[in-house]
Amino acid sequence: DNAKNTVYLQMNSLKPEDTAVYYCGVDL
């Protein structure tokens, strides 16, 4: 949502192997 300067990640059907620290980044 660029108006909010926000990016989202909807995660469904999660698995134990998805366990991690999640980071967001930007490519300038």
mmCIF file of all heavy atoms, coordinates in Angstrom:
data_MODEL
# 
_entry.id   MODEL 
# 
loop_
_atom_site.group_PDB 
_atom_site.id 
_atom_site.type_symbol 
_atom_site.label_atom_id 
_atom_site.label_alt_id 
_atom_site.label_comp_id 
_atom_site.label_asym_id 
_atom_site.label_entity_id 
_atom_site.label_seq_id 
_atom_site.pdbx_PDB_ins_code 
_atom_site.Cartn_x 
_atom_site.Cartn_y 
_atom_site.Cartn_z 
_atom_site.occupancy 
_atom_site.B_iso_or_equiv 
_atom_site.pdbx_formal_charge 
_atom_site.auth_seq_id 
_atom_site.auth_comp_id 
_atom_site.auth_asym_id 
_atom_site.auth_atom_id 
_atom_site.pdbx_PDB_model_num 
ATOM 1   N N   . ASP A 1 1  ? 0.873  -1.162  0.000  1.00 0.00 ? 1  ASP A N   1 
ATOM 2   C CA  . ASP A 1 1  ? 0.000  0.000   0.000  1.00 0.00 ? 1  ASP A CA  1 
ATOM 3   C C   . ASP A 1 1  ? 0.915  1.217   0.000  1.00 0.00 ? 1  ASP A C   1 
ATOM 4   O O   . ASP A 1 1  ? 1.443  1.610   1.050  1.00 0.00 ? 1  ASP A O   1 
ATOM 5   C CB  . ASP A 1 1  ? -0.903 -0.013  1.233  1.00 0.00 ? 1  ASP A CB  1 
ATOM 6   C CG  . ASP A 1 1  ? -1.913 1.128   1.254  1.00 0.00 ? 1  ASP A CG  1 
ATOM 7   O OD1 . ASP A 1 1  ? -1.677 2.145   0.560  1.00 0.00 ? 1  ASP A OD1 1 
ATOM 8   O OD2 . ASP A 1 1  ? -2.905 1.013   1.963  1.00 0.00 ? 1  ASP A OD2 1 
ATOM 9   N N   . ASN A 1 2  ? 1.133  1.792   -1.161 1.00 0.00 ? 2  ASN A N   1 
ATOM 10  C CA  . ASN A 1 2  ? 2.083  2.900   -1.269 1.00 0.00 ? 2  ASN A CA  1 
ATOM 11  C C   . ASN A 1 2  ? 1.611  4.144   -0.528 1.00 0.00 ? 2  ASN A C   1 
ATOM 12  O O   . ASN A 1 2  ? 2.431  4.951   -0.078 1.00 0.00 ? 2  ASN A O   1 
ATOM 13  C CB  . ASN A 1 2  ? 2.353  3.216   -2.729 1.00 0.00 ? 2  ASN A CB  1 
ATOM 14  C CG  . ASN A 1 2  ? 3.259  2.182   -3.384 1.00 0.00 ? 2  ASN A CG  1 
ATOM 15  O OD1 . ASN A 1 2  ? 3.992  1.463   -2.687 1.00 0.00 ? 2  ASN A OD1 1 
ATOM 16  N ND2 . ASN A 1 2  ? 3.199  2.078   -4.694 1.00 0.00 ? 2  ASN A ND2 1 
ATOM 17  N N   . ALA A 1 3  ? 0.321  4.307   -0.401 1.00 0.00 ? 3  ALA A N   1 
ATOM 18  C CA  . ALA A 1 3  ? -0.191 5.459   0.350  1.00 0.00 ? 3  ALA A CA  1 
ATOM 19  C C   . ALA A 1 3  ? 0.216  5.379   1.818  1.00 0.00 ? 3  ALA A C   1 
ATOM 20  O O   . ALA A 1 3  ? 0.375  6.408   2.483  1.00 0.00 ? 3  ALA A O   1 
ATOM 21  C CB  . ALA A 1 3  ? -1.698 5.526   0.226  1.00 0.00 ? 3  ALA A CB  1 
ATOM 22  N N   . LYS A 1 4  ? 0.398  4.154   2.301  1.00 0.00 ? 4  LYS A N   1 
ATOM 23  C CA  . LYS A 1 4  ? 0.801  3.949   3.694  1.00 0.00 ? 4  LYS A CA  1 
ATOM 24  C C   . LYS A 1 4  ? 2.280  3.614   3.816  1.00 0.00 ? 4  LYS A C   1 
ATOM 25  O O   . LYS A 1 4  ? 2.767  3.365   4.915  1.00 0.00 ? 4  LYS A O   1 
ATOM 26  C CB  . LYS A 1 4  ? -0.029 2.829   4.320  1.00 0.00 ? 4  LYS A CB  1 
ATOM 27  C CG  . LYS A 1 4  ? -1.512 3.132   4.422  1.00 0.00 ? 4  LYS A CG  1 
ATOM 28  C CD  . LYS A 1 4  ? -2.259 1.987   5.077  1.00 0.00 ? 4  LYS A CD  1 
ATOM 29  C CE  . LYS A 1 4  ? -3.748 2.309   5.223  1.00 0.00 ? 4  LYS A CE  1 
ATOM 30  N NZ  . LYS A 1 4  ? -4.506 1.189   5.850  1.00 0.00 ? 4  LYS A NZ  1 
ATOM 31  N N   . ASN A 1 5  ? 2.977  3.566   2.669  1.00 0.00 ? 5  ASN A N   1 
ATOM 32  C CA  . ASN A 1 5  ? 4.402  3.219   2.673  1.00 0.00 ? 5  ASN A CA  1 
ATOM 33  C C   . ASN A 1 5  ? 4.645  1.895   3.396  1.00 0.00 ? 5  ASN A C   1 
ATOM 34  O O   . ASN A 1 5  ? 5.581  1.748   4.191  1.00 0.00 ? 5  ASN A O   1 
ATOM 35  C CB  . ASN A 1 5  ? 5.218  4.339   3.333  1.00 0.00 ? 5  ASN A CB  1 
ATOM 36  C CG  . ASN A 1 5  ? 6.502  4.646   2.589  1.00 0.00 ? 5  ASN A CG  1 
ATOM 37  O OD1 . ASN A 1 5  ? 6.694  4.250   1.438  1.00 0.00 ? 5  ASN A OD1 1 
ATOM 38  N ND2 . ASN A 1 5  ? 7.401  5.351   3.255  1.00 0.00 ? 5  ASN A ND2 1 
ATOM 39  N N   . THR A 1 6  ? 3.781  0.925   3.103  1.00 0.00 ? 6  THR A N   1 
ATOM 40  C CA  . THR A 1 6  ? 3.780  -0.345  3.821  1.00 0.00 ? 6  THR A CA  1 
ATOM 41  C C   . THR A 1 6  ? 3.699  -1.508  2.841  1.00 0.00 ? 6  THR A C   1 
ATOM 42  O O   . THR A 1 6  ? 3.001  -1.430  1.830  1.00 0.00 ? 6  THR A O   1 
ATOM 43  C CB  . THR A 1 6  ? 2.584  -0.405  4.792  1.00 0.00 ? 6  THR A CB  1 
ATOM 44  O OG1 . THR A 1 6  ? 2.689  0.668   5.732  1.00 0.00 ? 6  THR A OG1 1 
ATOM 45  C CG2 . THR A 1 6  ? 2.580  -1.721  5.553  1.00 0.00 ? 6  THR A CG2 1 
ATOM 46  N N   . VAL A 1 7  ? 4.438  -2.562  3.160  1.00 0.00 ? 7  VAL A N   1 
ATOM 47  C CA  . VAL A 1 7  ? 4.378  -3.800  2.392  1.00 0.00 ? 7  VAL A CA  1 
ATOM 48  C C   . VAL A 1 7  ? 3.942  -4.916  3.338  1.00 0.00 ? 7  VAL A C   1 
ATOM 49  O O   . VAL A 1 7  ? 4.255  -4.890  4.536  1.00 0.00 ? 7  VAL A O   1 
ATOM 50  C CB  . VAL A 1 7  ? 5.732  -4.104  1.712  1.00 0.00 ? 7  VAL A CB  1 
ATOM 51  C CG1 . VAL A 1 7  ? 6.817  -4.369  2.740  1.00 0.00 ? 7  VAL A CG1 1 
ATOM 52  C CG2 . VAL A 1 7  ? 5.621  -5.264  0.751  1.00 0.00 ? 7  VAL A CG2 1 
ATOM 53  N N   . TYR A 1 8  ? 3.203  -5.881  2.792  1.00 0.00 ? 8  TYR A N   1 
ATOM 54  C CA  . TYR A 1 8  ? 2.626  -6.955  3.595  1.00 0.00 ? 8  TYR A CA  1 
ATOM 55  C C   . TYR A 1 8  ? 3.061  -8.317  3.068  1.00 0.00 ? 8  TYR A C   1 
ATOM 56  O O   . TYR A 1 8  ? 3.398  -8.472  1.891  1.00 0.00 ? 8  TYR A O   1 
ATOM 57  C CB  . TYR A 1 8  ? 1.095  -6.886  3.544  1.00 0.00 ? 8  TYR A CB  1 
ATOM 58  C CG  . TYR A 1 8  ? 0.521  -5.557  3.967  1.00 0.00 ? 8  TYR A CG  1 
ATOM 59  C CD1 . TYR A 1 8  ? 0.175  -4.601  3.023  1.00 0.00 ? 8  TYR A CD1 1 
ATOM 60  C CD2 . TYR A 1 8  ? 0.321  -5.266  5.317  1.00 0.00 ? 8  TYR A CD2 1 
ATOM 61  C CE1 . TYR A 1 8  ? -0.347 -3.369  3.399  1.00 0.00 ? 8  TYR A CE1 1 
ATOM 62  C CE2 . TYR A 1 8  ? -0.201 -4.042  5.703  1.00 0.00 ? 8  TYR A CE2 1 
ATOM 63  C CZ  . TYR A 1 8  ? -0.537 -3.105  4.742  1.00 0.00 ? 8  TYR A CZ  1 
ATOM 64  O OH  . TYR A 1 8  ? -1.056 -1.889  5.120  1.00 0.00 ? 8  TYR A OH  1 
ATOM 65  N N   . LEU A 1 9  ? 3.010  -9.290  3.962  1.00 0.00 ? 9  LEU A N   1 
ATOM 66  C CA  . LEU A 1 9  ? 3.227  -10.680 3.570  1.00 0.00 ? 9  LEU A CA  1 
ATOM 67  C C   . LEU A 1 9  ? 2.164  -11.520 4.266  1.00 0.00 ? 9  LEU A C   1 
ATOM 68  O O   . LEU A 1 9  ? 2.204  -11.695 5.484  1.00 0.00 ? 9  LEU A O   1 
ATOM 69  C CB  . LEU A 1 9  ? 4.627  -11.165 3.945  1.00 0.00 ? 9  LEU A CB  1 
ATOM 70  C CG  . LEU A 1 9  ? 4.965  -12.571 3.449  1.00 0.00 ? 9  LEU A CG  1 
ATOM 71  C CD1 . LEU A 1 9  ? 5.090  -12.572 1.917  1.00 0.00 ? 9  LEU A CD1 1 
ATOM 72  C CD2 . LEU A 1 9  ? 6.272  -13.085 4.074  1.00 0.00 ? 9  LEU A CD2 1 
ATOM 73  N N   . GLN A 1 10 ? 1.207  -11.986 3.476  1.00 0.00 ? 10 GLN A N   1 
ATOM 74  C CA  . GLN A 1 10 ? 0.180  -12.895 3.993  1.00 0.00 ? 10 GLN A CA  1 
ATOM 75  C C   . GLN A 1 10 ? 0.706  -14.318 3.883  1.00 0.00 ? 10 GLN A C   1 
ATOM 76  O O   . GLN A 1 10 ? 1.054  -14.764 2.783  1.00 0.00 ? 10 GLN A O   1 
ATOM 77  C CB  . GLN A 1 10 ? -1.107 -12.745 3.186  1.00 0.00 ? 10 GLN A CB  1 
ATOM 78  C CG  . GLN A 1 10 ? -2.209 -13.692 3.611  1.00 0.00 ? 10 GLN A CG  1 
ATOM 79  C CD  . GLN A 1 10 ? -2.739 -13.404 5.007  1.00 0.00 ? 10 GLN A CD  1 
ATOM 80  O OE1 . GLN A 1 10 ? -2.959 -12.262 5.371  1.00 0.00 ? 10 GLN A OE1 1 
ATOM 81  N NE2 . GLN A 1 10 ? -2.934 -14.461 5.792  1.00 0.00 ? 10 GLN A NE2 1 
ATOM 82  N N   . MET A 1 11 ? 0.769  -14.997 5.000  1.00 0.00 ? 11 MET A N   1 
ATOM 83  C CA  . MET A 1 11 ? 1.330  -16.342 5.038  1.00 0.00 ? 11 MET A CA  1 
ATOM 84  C C   . MET A 1 11 ? 0.247  -17.314 5.480  1.00 0.00 ? 11 MET A C   1 
ATOM 85  O O   . MET A 1 11 ? -0.269 -17.217 6.600  1.00 0.00 ? 11 MET A O   1 
ATOM 86  C CB  . MET A 1 11 ? 2.515  -16.393 6.004  1.00 0.00 ? 11 MET A CB  1 
ATOM 87  C CG  . MET A 1 11 ? 3.591  -15.353 5.700  1.00 0.00 ? 11 MET A CG  1 
ATOM 88  S SD  . MET A 1 11 ? 5.061  -15.554 6.720  1.00 0.00 ? 11 MET A SD  1 
ATOM 89  C CE  . MET A 1 11 ? 4.381  -15.250 8.339  1.00 0.00 ? 11 MET A CE  1 
ATOM 90  N N   . ASN A 1 12 ? -0.111 -18.221 4.595  1.00 0.00 ? 12 ASN A N   1 
ATOM 91  C CA  . ASN A 1 12 ? -1.128 -19.239 4.876  1.00 0.00 ? 12 ASN A CA  1 
ATOM 92  C C   . ASN A 1 12 ? -0.499 -20.618 4.857  1.00 0.00 ? 12 ASN A C   1 
ATOM 93  O O   . ASN A 1 12 ? 0.605  -20.812 4.342  1.00 0.00 ? 12 ASN A O   1 
ATOM 94  C CB  . ASN A 1 12 ? -2.249 -19.157 3.836  1.00 0.00 ? 12 ASN A CB  1 
ATOM 95  C CG  . ASN A 1 12 ? -2.960 -17.816 3.832  1.00 0.00 ? 12 ASN A CG  1 
ATOM 96  O OD1 . ASN A 1 12 ? -3.129 -17.172 4.865  1.00 0.00 ? 12 ASN A OD1 1 
ATOM 97  N ND2 . ASN A 1 12 ? -3.385 -17.381 2.648  1.00 0.00 ? 12 ASN A ND2 1 
ATOM 98  N N   . SER A 1 13 ? -1.234 -21.587 5.392  1.00 0.00 ? 13 SER A N   1 
ATOM 99  C CA  . SER A 1 13 ? -0.769 -22.992 5.408  1.00 0.00 ? 13 SER A CA  1 
ATOM 100 C C   . SER A 1 13 ? 0.662  -23.083 5.911  1.00 0.00 ? 13 SER A C   1 
ATOM 101 O O   . SER A 1 13 ? 1.511  -23.742 5.305  1.00 0.00 ? 13 SER A O   1 
ATOM 102 C CB  . SER A 1 13 ? -0.887 -23.591 4.006  1.00 0.00 ? 13 SER A CB  1 
ATOM 103 O OG  . SER A 1 13 ? -2.211 -23.526 3.544  1.00 0.00 ? 13 SER A OG  1 
ATOM 104 N N   . LEU A 1 14 ? 0.932  -22.427 7.010  1.00 0.00 ? 14 LEU A N   1 
ATOM 105 C CA  . LEU A 1 14 ? 2.293  -22.370 7.529  1.00 0.00 ? 14 LEU A CA  1 
ATOM 106 C C   . LEU A 1 14 ? 2.794  -23.741 7.950  1.00 0.00 ? 14 LEU A C   1 
ATOM 107 O O   . LEU A 1 14 ? 2.019  -24.589 8.425  1.00 0.00 ? 14 LEU A O   1 
ATOM 108 C CB  . LEU A 1 14 ? 2.363  -21.391 8.696  1.00 0.00 ? 14 LEU A CB  1 
ATOM 109 C CG  . LEU A 1 14 ? 2.400  -19.918 8.276  1.00 0.00 ? 14 LEU A CG  1 
ATOM 110 C CD1 . LEU A 1 14 ? 1.989  -19.006 9.419  1.00 0.00 ? 14 LEU A CD1 1 
ATOM 111 C CD2 . LEU A 1 14 ? 3.774  -19.549 7.757  1.00 0.00 ? 14 LEU A CD2 1 
ATOM 112 N N   . LYS A 1 15 ? 4.096  -23.944 7.750  1.00 0.00 ? 15 LYS A N   1 
ATOM 113 C CA  . LYS A 1 15 ? 4.755  -25.198 8.075  1.00 0.00 ? 15 LYS A CA  1 
ATOM 114 C C   . LYS A 1 15 ? 5.861  -24.933 9.100  1.00 0.00 ? 15 LYS A C   1 
ATOM 115 O O   . LYS A 1 15 ? 6.389  -23.819 9.156  1.00 0.00 ? 15 LYS A O   1 
ATOM 116 C CB  . LYS A 1 15 ? 5.374  -25.798 6.818  1.00 0.00 ? 15 LYS A CB  1 
ATOM 117 C CG  . LYS A 1 15 ? 4.403  -26.010 5.675  1.00 0.00 ? 15 LYS A CG  1 
ATOM 118 C CD  . LYS A 1 15 ? 5.138  -26.497 4.433  1.00 0.00 ? 15 LYS A CD  1 
ATOM 119 C CE  . LYS A 1 15 ? 4.182  -26.707 3.269  1.00 0.00 ? 15 LYS A CE  1 
ATOM 120 N NZ  . LYS A 1 15 ? 4.894  -27.179 2.054  1.00 0.00 ? 15 LYS A NZ  1 
ATOM 121 N N   . PRO A 1 16 ? 6.249  -25.924 9.866  1.00 0.00 ? 16 PRO A N   1 
ATOM 122 C CA  . PRO A 1 16 ? 7.360  -25.719 10.816 1.00 0.00 ? 16 PRO A CA  1 
ATOM 123 C C   . PRO A 1 16 ? 8.619  -25.196 10.143 1.00 0.00 ? 16 PRO A C   1 
ATOM 124 O O   . PRO A 1 16 ? 9.366  -24.411 10.745 1.00 0.00 ? 16 PRO A O   1 
ATOM 125 C CB  . PRO A 1 16 ? 7.556  -27.116 11.403 1.00 0.00 ? 16 PRO A CB  1 
ATOM 126 C CG  . PRO A 1 16 ? 6.202  -27.742 11.330 1.00 0.00 ? 16 PRO A CG  1 
ATOM 127 C CD  . PRO A 1 16 ? 5.610  -27.232 10.039 1.00 0.00 ? 16 PRO A CD  1 
ATOM 128 N N   . GLU A 1 17 ? 8.865  -25.586 8.912  1.00 0.00 ? 17 GLU A N   1 
ATOM 129 C CA  . GLU A 1 17 ? 10.069 -25.120 8.206  1.00 0.00 ? 17 GLU A CA  1 
ATOM 130 C C   . GLU A 1 17 ? 9.993  -23.651 7.805  1.00 0.00 ? 17 GLU A C   1 
ATOM 131 O O   . GLU A 1 17 ? 10.976 -23.094 7.319  1.00 0.00 ? 17 GLU A O   1 
ATOM 132 C CB  . GLU A 1 17 ? 10.352 -25.984 6.971  1.00 0.00 ? 17 GLU A CB  1 
ATOM 133 C CG  . GLU A 1 17 ? 9.181  -26.181 6.044  1.00 0.00 ? 17 GLU A CG  1 
ATOM 134 C CD  . GLU A 1 17 ? 8.452  -27.498 6.294  1.00 0.00 ? 17 GLU A CD  1 
ATOM 135 O OE1 . GLU A 1 17 ? 8.206  -27.830 7.490  1.00 0.00 ? 17 GLU A OE1 1 
ATOM 136 O OE2 . GLU A 1 17 ? 8.103  -28.171 5.308  1.00 0.00 ? 17 GLU A OE2 1 
ATOM 137 N N   . ASP A 1 18 ? 8.836  -23.008 8.015  1.00 0.00 ? 18 ASP A N   1 
ATOM 138 C CA  . ASP A 1 18 ? 8.736  -21.565 7.790  1.00 0.00 ? 18 ASP A CA  1 
ATOM 139 C C   . ASP A 1 18 ? 9.235  -20.766 8.994  1.00 0.00 ? 18 ASP A C   1 
ATOM 140 O O   . ASP A 1 18 ? 9.324  -19.538 8.934  1.00 0.00 ? 18 ASP A O   1 
ATOM 141 C CB  . ASP A 1 18 ? 7.292  -21.169 7.505  1.00 0.00 ? 18 ASP A CB  1 
ATOM 142 C CG  . ASP A 1 18 ? 6.764  -21.738 6.205  1.00 0.00 ? 18 ASP A CG  1 
ATOM 143 O OD1 . ASP A 1 18 ? 7.518  -21.740 5.213  1.00 0.00 ? 18 ASP A OD1 1 
ATOM 144 O OD2 . ASP A 1 18 ? 5.600  -22.186 6.191  1.00 0.00 ? 18 ASP A OD2 1 
ATOM 145 N N   . THR A 1 19 ? 9.557  -21.448 10.079 1.00 0.00 ? 19 THR A N   1 
ATOM 146 C CA  . THR A 1 19 ? 10.049 -20.775 11.276 1.00 0.00 ? 19 THR A CA  1 
ATOM 147 C C   . THR A 1 19 ? 11.352 -20.042 10.980 1.00 0.00 ? 19 THR A C   1 
ATOM 148 O O   . THR A 1 19 ? 12.308 -20.621 10.477 1.00 0.00 ? 19 THR A O   1 
ATOM 149 C CB  . THR A 1 19 ? 10.272 -21.795 12.408 1.00 0.00 ? 19 THR A CB  1 
ATOM 150 O OG1 . THR A 1 19 ? 9.008  -22.349 12.777 1.00 0.00 ? 19 THR A OG1 1 
ATOM 151 C CG2 . THR A 1 19 ? 10.922 -21.140 13.613 1.00 0.00 ? 19 THR A CG2 1 
ATOM 152 N N   . ALA A 1 20 ? 11.369 -18.742 11.264 1.00 0.00 ? 20 ALA A N   1 
ATOM 153 C CA  . ALA A 1 20 ? 12.526 -17.908 10.978 1.00 0.00 ? 20 ALA A CA  1 
ATOM 154 C C   . ALA A 1 20 ? 12.242 -16.486 11.444 1.00 0.00 ? 20 ALA A C   1 
ATOM 155 O O   . ALA A 1 20 ? 11.110 -16.162 11.809 1.00 0.00 ? 20 ALA A O   1 
ATOM 156 C CB  . ALA A 1 20 ? 12.828 -17.899 9.469  1.00 0.00 ? 20 ALA A CB  1 
ATOM 157 N N   . VAL A 1 21 ? 13.275 -15.670 11.404 1.00 0.00 ? 21 VAL A N   1 
ATOM 158 C CA  . VAL A 1 21 ? 13.078 -14.223 11.531 1.00 0.00 ? 21 VAL A CA  1 
ATOM 159 C C   . VAL A 1 21 ? 12.848 -13.681 10.123 1.00 0.00 ? 21 VAL A C   1 
ATOM 160 O O   . VAL A 1 21 ? 13.640 -13.969 9.209  1.00 0.00 ? 21 VAL A O   1 
ATOM 161 C CB  . VAL A 1 21 ? 14.288 -13.537 12.187 1.00 0.00 ? 21 VAL A CB  1 
ATOM 162 C CG1 . VAL A 1 21 ? 14.055 -12.027 12.258 1.00 0.00 ? 21 VAL A CG1 1 
ATOM 163 C CG2 . VAL A 1 21 ? 14.532 -14.108 13.579 1.00 0.00 ? 21 VAL A CG2 1 
ATOM 164 N N   . TYR A 1 22 ? 11.791 -12.928 9.966  1.00 0.00 ? 22 TYR A N   1 
ATOM 165 C CA  . TYR A 1 22 ? 11.415 -12.385 8.669  1.00 0.00 ? 22 TYR A CA  1 
ATOM 166 C C   . TYR A 1 22 ? 11.761 -10.903 8.611  1.00 0.00 ? 22 TYR A C   1 
ATOM 167 O O   . TYR A 1 22 ? 11.432 -10.139 9.527  1.00 0.00 ? 22 TYR A O   1 
ATOM 168 C CB  . TYR A 1 22 ? 9.922  -12.583 8.419  1.00 0.00 ? 22 TYR A CB  1 
ATOM 169 C CG  . TYR A 1 22 ? 9.572  -13.995 8.042  1.00 0.00 ? 22 TYR A CG  1 
ATOM 170 C CD1 . TYR A 1 22 ? 9.645  -15.029 8.984  1.00 0.00 ? 22 TYR A CD1 1 
ATOM 171 C CD2 . TYR A 1 22 ? 9.190  -14.321 6.740  1.00 0.00 ? 22 TYR A CD2 1 
ATOM 172 C CE1 . TYR A 1 22 ? 9.353  -16.331 8.635  1.00 0.00 ? 22 TYR A CE1 1 
ATOM 173 C CE2 . TYR A 1 22 ? 8.886  -15.625 6.382  1.00 0.00 ? 22 TYR A CE2 1 
ATOM 174 C CZ  . TYR A 1 22 ? 8.973  -16.625 7.344  1.00 0.00 ? 22 TYR A CZ  1 
ATOM 175 O OH  . TYR A 1 22 ? 8.684  -17.930 6.992  1.00 0.00 ? 22 TYR A OH  1 
ATOM 176 N N   . TYR A 1 23 ? 12.405 -10.530 7.520  1.00 0.00 ? 23 TYR A N   1 
ATOM 177 C CA  . TYR A 1 23 ? 12.842 -9.156  7.315  1.00 0.00 ? 23 TYR A CA  1 
ATOM 178 C C   . TYR A 1 23 ? 12.236 -8.612  6.028  1.00 0.00 ? 23 TYR A C   1 
ATOM 179 O O   . TYR A 1 23 ? 12.047 -9.358  5.057  1.00 0.00 ? 23 TYR A O   1 
ATOM 180 C CB  . TYR A 1 23 ? 14.364 -9.084  7.167  1.00 0.00 ? 23 TYR A CB  1 
ATOM 181 C CG  . TYR A 1 23 ? 15.155 -9.632  8.323  1.00 0.00 ? 23 TYR A CG  1 
ATOM 182 C CD1 . TYR A 1 23 ? 15.469 -10.985 8.408  1.00 0.00 ? 23 TYR A CD1 1 
ATOM 183 C CD2 . TYR A 1 23 ? 15.623 -8.785  9.337  1.00 0.00 ? 23 TYR A CD2 1 
ATOM 184 C CE1 . TYR A 1 23 ? 16.198 -11.491 9.453  1.00 0.00 ? 23 TYR A CE1 1 
ATOM 185 C CE2 . TYR A 1 23 ? 16.367 -9.285  10.394 1.00 0.00 ? 23 TYR A CE2 1 
ATOM 186 C CZ  . TYR A 1 23 ? 16.650 -10.638 10.441 1.00 0.00 ? 23 TYR A CZ  1 
ATOM 187 O OH  . TYR A 1 23 ? 17.393 -11.129 11.488 1.00 0.00 ? 23 TYR A OH  1 
ATOM 188 N N   . CYS A 1 24 ? 11.964 -7.311  6.019  1.00 0.00 ? 24 CYS A N   1 
ATOM 189 C CA  . CYS A 1 24 ? 11.598 -6.687  4.754  1.00 0.00 ? 24 CYS A CA  1 
ATOM 190 C C   . CYS A 1 24 ? 12.728 -5.774  4.308  1.00 0.00 ? 24 CYS A C   1 
ATOM 191 O O   . CYS A 1 24 ? 13.497 -5.260  5.126  1.00 0.00 ? 24 CYS A O   1 
ATOM 192 C CB  . CYS A 1 24 ? 10.293 -5.905  4.860  1.00 0.00 ? 24 CYS A CB  1 
ATOM 193 S SG  . CYS A 1 24 ? 10.390 -4.370  5.790  1.00 0.00 ? 24 CYS A SG  1 
ATOM 194 N N   . GLY A 1 25 ? 12.837 -5.616  3.005  1.00 0.00 ? 25 GLY A N   1 
ATOM 195 C CA  . GLY A 1 25 ? 13.904 -4.806  2.447  1.00 0.00 ? 25 GLY A CA  1 
ATOM 196 C C   . GLY A 1 25 ? 13.426 -4.014  1.247  1.00 0.00 ? 25 GLY A C   1 
ATOM 197 O O   . GLY A 1 25 ? 12.351 -4.258  0.696  1.00 0.00 ? 25 GLY A O   1 
ATOM 198 N N   . VAL A 1 26 ? 14.251 -3.062  0.826  1.00 0.00 ? 26 VAL A N   1 
ATOM 199 C CA  . VAL A 1 26 ? 13.960 -2.237  -0.344 1.00 0.00 ? 26 VAL A CA  1 
ATOM 200 C C   . VAL A 1 26 ? 15.212 -2.171  -1.222 1.00 0.00 ? 26 VAL A C   1 
ATOM 201 O O   . VAL A 1 26 ? 16.335 -2.080  -0.717 1.00 0.00 ? 26 VAL A O   1 
ATOM 202 C CB  . VAL A 1 26 ? 13.485 -0.827  0.064  1.00 0.00 ? 26 VAL A CB  1 
ATOM 203 C CG1 . VAL A 1 26 ? 14.536 -0.115  0.907  1.00 0.00 ? 26 VAL A CG1 1 
ATOM 204 C CG2 . VAL A 1 26 ? 13.097 0.003   -1.141 1.00 0.00 ? 26 VAL A CG2 1 
ATOM 205 N N   . ASP A 1 27 ? 14.987 -2.236  -2.518 1.00 0.00 ? 27 ASP A N   1 
ATOM 206 C CA  . ASP A 1 27 ? 16.076 -2.192  -3.505 1.00 0.00 ? 27 ASP A CA  1 
ATOM 207 C C   . ASP A 1 27 ? 16.068 -0.816  -4.159 1.00 0.00 ? 27 ASP A C   1 
ATOM 208 O O   . ASP A 1 27 ? 15.206 -0.527  -5.007 1.00 0.00 ? 27 ASP A O   1 
ATOM 209 C CB  . ASP A 1 27 ? 15.867 -3.296  -4.540 1.00 0.00 ? 27 ASP A CB  1 
ATOM 210 C CG  . ASP A 1 27 ? 16.862 -3.223  -5.682 1.00 0.00 ? 27 ASP A CG  1 
ATOM 211 O OD1 . ASP A 1 27 ? 17.846 -2.459  -5.591 1.00 0.00 ? 27 ASP A OD1 1 
ATOM 212 O OD2 . ASP A 1 27 ? 16.646 -3.934  -6.682 1.00 0.00 ? 27 ASP A OD2 1 
ATOM 213 N N   . LEU A 1 28 ? 17.016 0.019   -3.817 1.00 0.00 ? 28 LEU A N   1 
ATOM 214 C CA  . LEU A 1 28 ? 17.034 1.387   -4.317 1.00 0.00 ? 28 LEU A CA  1 
ATOM 215 C C   . LEU A 1 28 ? 17.574 1.512   -5.738 1.00 0.00 ? 28 LEU A C   1 
ATOM 216 O O   . LEU A 1 28 ? 17.612 2.616   -6.283 1.00 0.00 ? 28 LEU A O   1 
ATOM 217 C CB  . LEU A 1 28 ? 17.834 2.282   -3.366 1.00 0.00 ? 28 LEU A CB  1 
ATOM 218 C CG  . LEU A 1 28 ? 17.221 2.428   -1.974 1.00 0.00 ? 28 LEU A CG  1 
ATOM 219 C CD1 . LEU A 1 28 ? 18.077 3.343   -1.110 1.00 0.00 ? 28 LEU A CD1 1 
ATOM 220 C CD2 . LEU A 1 28 ? 15.800 2.939   -2.050 1.00 0.00 ? 28 LEU A CD2 1 
# 
